[in-house]
N, C-alpha and C. Protein backbone atom coordinates (compact mmCIF):
# COMPACT_ATOMS: atom_id res chain seq x y z
N MET A 1 -26.28 -3.60 13.13
CA MET A 1 -27.45 -2.78 12.92
C MET A 1 -27.21 -1.44 13.61
N GLU A 2 -27.74 -0.41 13.02
CA GLU A 2 -27.57 0.94 13.52
C GLU A 2 -28.94 1.50 13.88
N THR A 3 -29.02 2.27 14.95
CA THR A 3 -30.26 2.96 15.29
C THR A 3 -30.07 4.43 14.95
N GLU A 4 -30.97 4.96 14.18
CA GLU A 4 -30.88 6.35 13.74
C GLU A 4 -32.08 7.11 14.27
N VAL A 5 -31.82 8.25 14.88
CA VAL A 5 -32.88 9.10 15.37
C VAL A 5 -32.83 10.40 14.57
N LYS A 6 -33.95 10.75 13.97
CA LYS A 6 -34.02 11.98 13.19
C LYS A 6 -34.83 13.00 13.97
N LEU A 7 -34.27 14.20 14.09
CA LEU A 7 -34.93 15.27 14.81
C LEU A 7 -35.41 16.33 13.82
N SER A 8 -36.57 16.88 14.07
CA SER A 8 -37.12 17.95 13.24
C SER A 8 -37.26 19.20 14.10
N PHE A 9 -37.00 20.34 13.50
CA PHE A 9 -37.09 21.61 14.21
C PHE A 9 -37.96 22.58 13.42
N LYS A 10 -38.71 23.41 14.14
CA LYS A 10 -39.60 24.37 13.49
C LYS A 10 -38.85 25.54 12.88
N ASN A 11 -37.67 25.84 13.45
CA ASN A 11 -36.89 26.98 12.94
C ASN A 11 -35.42 26.82 13.33
N THR A 12 -34.60 27.69 12.80
CA THR A 12 -33.15 27.62 13.03
C THR A 12 -32.81 27.87 14.49
N ASP A 13 -33.54 28.77 15.14
CA ASP A 13 -33.26 29.06 16.55
C ASP A 13 -33.43 27.81 17.41
N SER A 14 -34.48 27.04 17.15
CA SER A 14 -34.70 25.80 17.91
C SER A 14 -33.58 24.81 17.67
N LEU A 15 -33.15 24.68 16.43
CA LEU A 15 -32.04 23.79 16.09
C LEU A 15 -30.77 24.21 16.82
N MET A 16 -30.45 25.50 16.77
CA MET A 16 -29.21 25.97 17.38
C MET A 16 -29.24 25.84 18.90
N LYS A 17 -30.42 25.94 19.51
CA LYS A 17 -30.52 25.76 20.96
C LYS A 17 -30.14 24.33 21.34
N VAL A 18 -30.61 23.38 20.58
CA VAL A 18 -30.27 21.98 20.85
C VAL A 18 -28.80 21.71 20.52
N ALA A 19 -28.34 22.24 19.38
CA ALA A 19 -26.96 22.01 18.96
C ALA A 19 -25.95 22.59 19.93
N SER A 20 -26.31 23.65 20.63
CA SER A 20 -25.38 24.27 21.58
C SER A 20 -25.54 23.73 23.00
N SER A 21 -26.39 22.73 23.18
CA SER A 21 -26.60 22.15 24.51
C SER A 21 -25.40 21.33 24.95
N ASP A 22 -25.33 21.04 26.23
CA ASP A 22 -24.23 20.25 26.80
C ASP A 22 -24.12 18.88 26.15
N LEU A 23 -25.25 18.28 25.81
CA LEU A 23 -25.25 16.95 25.20
C LEU A 23 -24.38 16.92 23.94
N PHE A 24 -24.54 17.89 23.08
CA PHE A 24 -23.78 17.91 21.84
C PHE A 24 -22.33 18.34 22.07
N SER A 25 -22.10 19.27 22.99
CA SER A 25 -20.72 19.72 23.22
C SER A 25 -19.89 18.60 23.83
N GLU A 26 -20.51 17.74 24.65
CA GLU A 26 -19.79 16.60 25.23
C GLU A 26 -19.42 15.57 24.18
N CYS A 27 -20.16 15.54 23.08
CA CYS A 27 -19.89 14.59 21.99
C CYS A 27 -18.89 15.14 20.98
N GLY A 28 -18.45 16.37 21.20
CA GLY A 28 -17.51 16.98 20.27
C GLY A 28 -18.16 17.53 19.02
N ILE A 29 -19.48 17.72 19.06
CA ILE A 29 -20.20 18.27 17.92
C ILE A 29 -20.25 19.78 18.07
N SER A 30 -19.80 20.48 17.06
CA SER A 30 -19.76 21.93 17.11
C SER A 30 -21.12 22.52 16.79
N SER A 31 -21.49 23.57 17.50
CA SER A 31 -22.73 24.27 17.19
C SER A 31 -22.48 25.42 16.21
N GLU A 32 -21.23 25.58 15.80
CA GLU A 32 -20.89 26.63 14.85
C GLU A 32 -21.36 26.21 13.46
N PRO A 33 -22.29 26.96 12.86
CA PRO A 33 -22.79 26.56 11.54
C PRO A 33 -21.74 26.69 10.46
N LYS A 34 -21.79 25.79 9.50
CA LYS A 34 -20.91 25.88 8.33
C LYS A 34 -21.71 25.41 7.11
N THR A 35 -21.29 25.85 5.97
CA THR A 35 -21.99 25.53 4.73
C THR A 35 -21.26 24.43 3.99
N VAL A 36 -21.99 23.40 3.61
CA VAL A 36 -21.46 22.33 2.76
C VAL A 36 -22.48 22.07 1.66
N THR A 37 -22.00 21.52 0.57
CA THR A 37 -22.87 21.12 -0.53
C THR A 37 -22.86 19.60 -0.60
N LEU A 38 -24.05 19.00 -0.66
CA LEU A 38 -24.18 17.55 -0.76
C LEU A 38 -24.71 17.18 -2.14
N GLU A 39 -24.06 16.23 -2.77
CA GLU A 39 -24.57 15.63 -4.01
C GLU A 39 -24.81 14.16 -3.70
N ASN A 40 -26.04 13.71 -3.86
CA ASN A 40 -26.40 12.32 -3.58
C ASN A 40 -26.79 11.62 -4.87
N TYR A 41 -26.25 10.42 -5.07
CA TYR A 41 -26.59 9.60 -6.22
C TYR A 41 -27.03 8.24 -5.71
N TYR A 42 -28.25 7.86 -6.06
CA TYR A 42 -28.77 6.56 -5.65
C TYR A 42 -28.65 5.60 -6.82
N LEU A 43 -28.11 4.43 -6.56
CA LEU A 43 -27.80 3.47 -7.60
C LEU A 43 -28.64 2.21 -7.44
N ASP A 44 -28.96 1.59 -8.55
CA ASP A 44 -29.70 0.34 -8.53
C ASP A 44 -29.41 -0.39 -9.84
N THR A 45 -29.85 -1.61 -9.94
CA THR A 45 -29.73 -2.37 -11.18
C THR A 45 -30.83 -1.89 -12.13
N PRO A 46 -30.68 -2.14 -13.43
CA PRO A 46 -31.72 -1.71 -14.38
C PRO A 46 -33.12 -2.24 -14.05
N ASP A 47 -33.19 -3.41 -13.43
CA ASP A 47 -34.50 -3.99 -13.09
C ASP A 47 -34.89 -3.73 -11.62
N MET A 48 -34.21 -2.78 -10.97
CA MET A 48 -34.54 -2.30 -9.61
C MET A 48 -34.50 -3.41 -8.54
N LYS A 49 -33.57 -4.34 -8.66
CA LYS A 49 -33.48 -5.46 -7.70
C LYS A 49 -33.14 -4.98 -6.28
N ILE A 50 -32.31 -3.97 -6.15
CA ILE A 50 -31.93 -3.51 -4.80
C ILE A 50 -33.15 -2.92 -4.09
N LEU A 51 -33.89 -2.07 -4.77
CA LEU A 51 -35.09 -1.49 -4.19
C LEU A 51 -36.14 -2.55 -3.87
N GLN A 52 -36.30 -3.52 -4.73
CA GLN A 52 -37.27 -4.59 -4.50
C GLN A 52 -36.94 -5.40 -3.26
N ARG A 53 -35.67 -5.43 -2.90
CA ARG A 53 -35.23 -6.17 -1.70
C ARG A 53 -35.08 -5.25 -0.49
N ASN A 54 -35.77 -4.09 -0.54
CA ASN A 54 -35.78 -3.12 0.56
C ASN A 54 -34.38 -2.60 0.88
N GLY A 55 -33.61 -2.32 -0.16
CA GLY A 55 -32.26 -1.82 0.05
C GLY A 55 -32.02 -0.52 -0.69
N SER A 56 -30.87 0.07 -0.45
CA SER A 56 -30.45 1.26 -1.19
C SER A 56 -28.93 1.33 -1.22
N VAL A 57 -28.42 1.91 -2.30
CA VAL A 57 -26.99 2.16 -2.45
C VAL A 57 -26.85 3.63 -2.80
N ARG A 58 -26.07 4.36 -2.00
CA ARG A 58 -25.92 5.80 -2.22
C ARG A 58 -24.45 6.18 -2.30
N LYS A 59 -24.15 7.05 -3.24
CA LYS A 59 -22.84 7.70 -3.32
C LYS A 59 -23.09 9.16 -2.96
N ARG A 60 -22.38 9.65 -1.94
CA ARG A 60 -22.54 11.05 -1.51
C ARG A 60 -21.22 11.78 -1.66
N ILE A 61 -21.28 12.93 -2.30
CA ILE A 61 -20.13 13.81 -2.44
C ILE A 61 -20.39 15.02 -1.54
N VAL A 62 -19.49 15.25 -0.58
CA VAL A 62 -19.61 16.38 0.33
C VAL A 62 -18.54 17.39 -0.07
N LYS A 63 -18.99 18.61 -0.37
CA LYS A 63 -18.07 19.67 -0.77
C LYS A 63 -18.13 20.79 0.25
N GLY A 64 -16.97 21.11 0.81
CA GLY A 64 -16.87 22.17 1.82
C GLY A 64 -15.44 22.26 2.28
N ASP A 65 -15.24 22.73 3.51
CA ASP A 65 -13.88 22.82 4.06
C ASP A 65 -13.22 21.45 4.12
N ASP A 66 -13.98 20.43 4.46
CA ASP A 66 -13.48 19.06 4.53
C ASP A 66 -14.23 18.21 3.51
N SER A 67 -13.85 18.30 2.24
CA SER A 67 -14.56 17.57 1.18
C SER A 67 -14.21 16.09 1.23
N TYR A 68 -15.19 15.25 0.91
CA TYR A 68 -14.96 13.81 0.85
C TYR A 68 -16.09 13.14 0.09
N ILE A 69 -15.90 11.86 -0.22
CA ILE A 69 -16.91 11.04 -0.89
C ILE A 69 -17.17 9.83 0.00
N GLU A 70 -18.44 9.48 0.16
CA GLU A 70 -18.76 8.30 0.94
C GLU A 70 -19.77 7.44 0.19
N GLY A 71 -19.72 6.17 0.46
CA GLY A 71 -20.68 5.24 -0.11
C GLY A 71 -21.43 4.56 1.02
N THR A 72 -22.73 4.37 0.84
CA THR A 72 -23.56 3.74 1.87
C THR A 72 -24.43 2.67 1.23
N VAL A 73 -24.47 1.51 1.87
CA VAL A 73 -25.37 0.43 1.46
C VAL A 73 -26.27 0.15 2.66
N LYS A 74 -27.59 0.21 2.44
CA LYS A 74 -28.55 -0.06 3.51
C LYS A 74 -29.53 -1.12 3.02
N TYR A 75 -29.97 -1.98 3.96
CA TYR A 75 -30.96 -2.99 3.59
C TYR A 75 -31.70 -3.46 4.83
N GLY A 76 -32.88 -4.02 4.61
CA GLY A 76 -33.65 -4.62 5.69
C GLY A 76 -34.12 -3.61 6.71
N GLY A 77 -34.46 -4.12 7.87
CA GLY A 77 -34.85 -3.28 8.98
C GLY A 77 -36.29 -2.79 8.89
N GLY A 78 -36.59 -1.79 9.70
CA GLY A 78 -37.92 -1.22 9.75
C GLY A 78 -37.95 -0.10 10.77
N SER A 79 -39.14 0.33 11.15
CA SER A 79 -39.25 1.40 12.13
C SER A 79 -40.37 1.09 13.11
N SER A 80 -40.21 1.62 14.31
CA SER A 80 -41.21 1.45 15.36
C SER A 80 -41.15 2.68 16.26
N SER A 81 -42.25 3.34 16.46
CA SER A 81 -42.35 4.52 17.33
C SER A 81 -41.35 5.60 16.93
N GLY A 82 -41.14 5.78 15.64
CA GLY A 82 -40.23 6.82 15.16
C GLY A 82 -38.76 6.46 15.19
N ILE A 83 -38.42 5.26 15.64
CA ILE A 83 -37.03 4.80 15.67
C ILE A 83 -36.83 3.88 14.48
N HIS A 84 -35.87 4.24 13.63
CA HIS A 84 -35.58 3.45 12.43
C HIS A 84 -34.36 2.60 12.67
N LYS A 85 -34.44 1.33 12.31
CA LYS A 85 -33.30 0.41 12.41
C LYS A 85 -33.18 -0.33 11.10
N ARG A 86 -31.96 -0.36 10.57
CA ARG A 86 -31.69 -1.16 9.38
C ARG A 86 -30.20 -1.38 9.28
N TYR A 87 -29.81 -2.39 8.55
CA TYR A 87 -28.40 -2.72 8.36
C TYR A 87 -27.78 -1.69 7.44
N GLU A 88 -26.59 -1.24 7.82
CA GLU A 88 -25.91 -0.22 7.03
C GLU A 88 -24.45 -0.61 6.89
């Protein structure tokens, strides 16, 4: 199971202040902005069985300096106090 935390920012300056903090630099995350294009495709059976079972299947195409394709399958889980947990 994975724990995912989603952060929201009111503007780009707030985002960049957090991204350039020591916490992110220690993790090897760059605060240097770059542009990428995301194409997301969500897949299901014709009778929506995956969605009915609280799941999702996604194919993501990332186009940029480091282009790649990834597939994600998620199911189950839930959220509590803004923390989302589900199998991925």
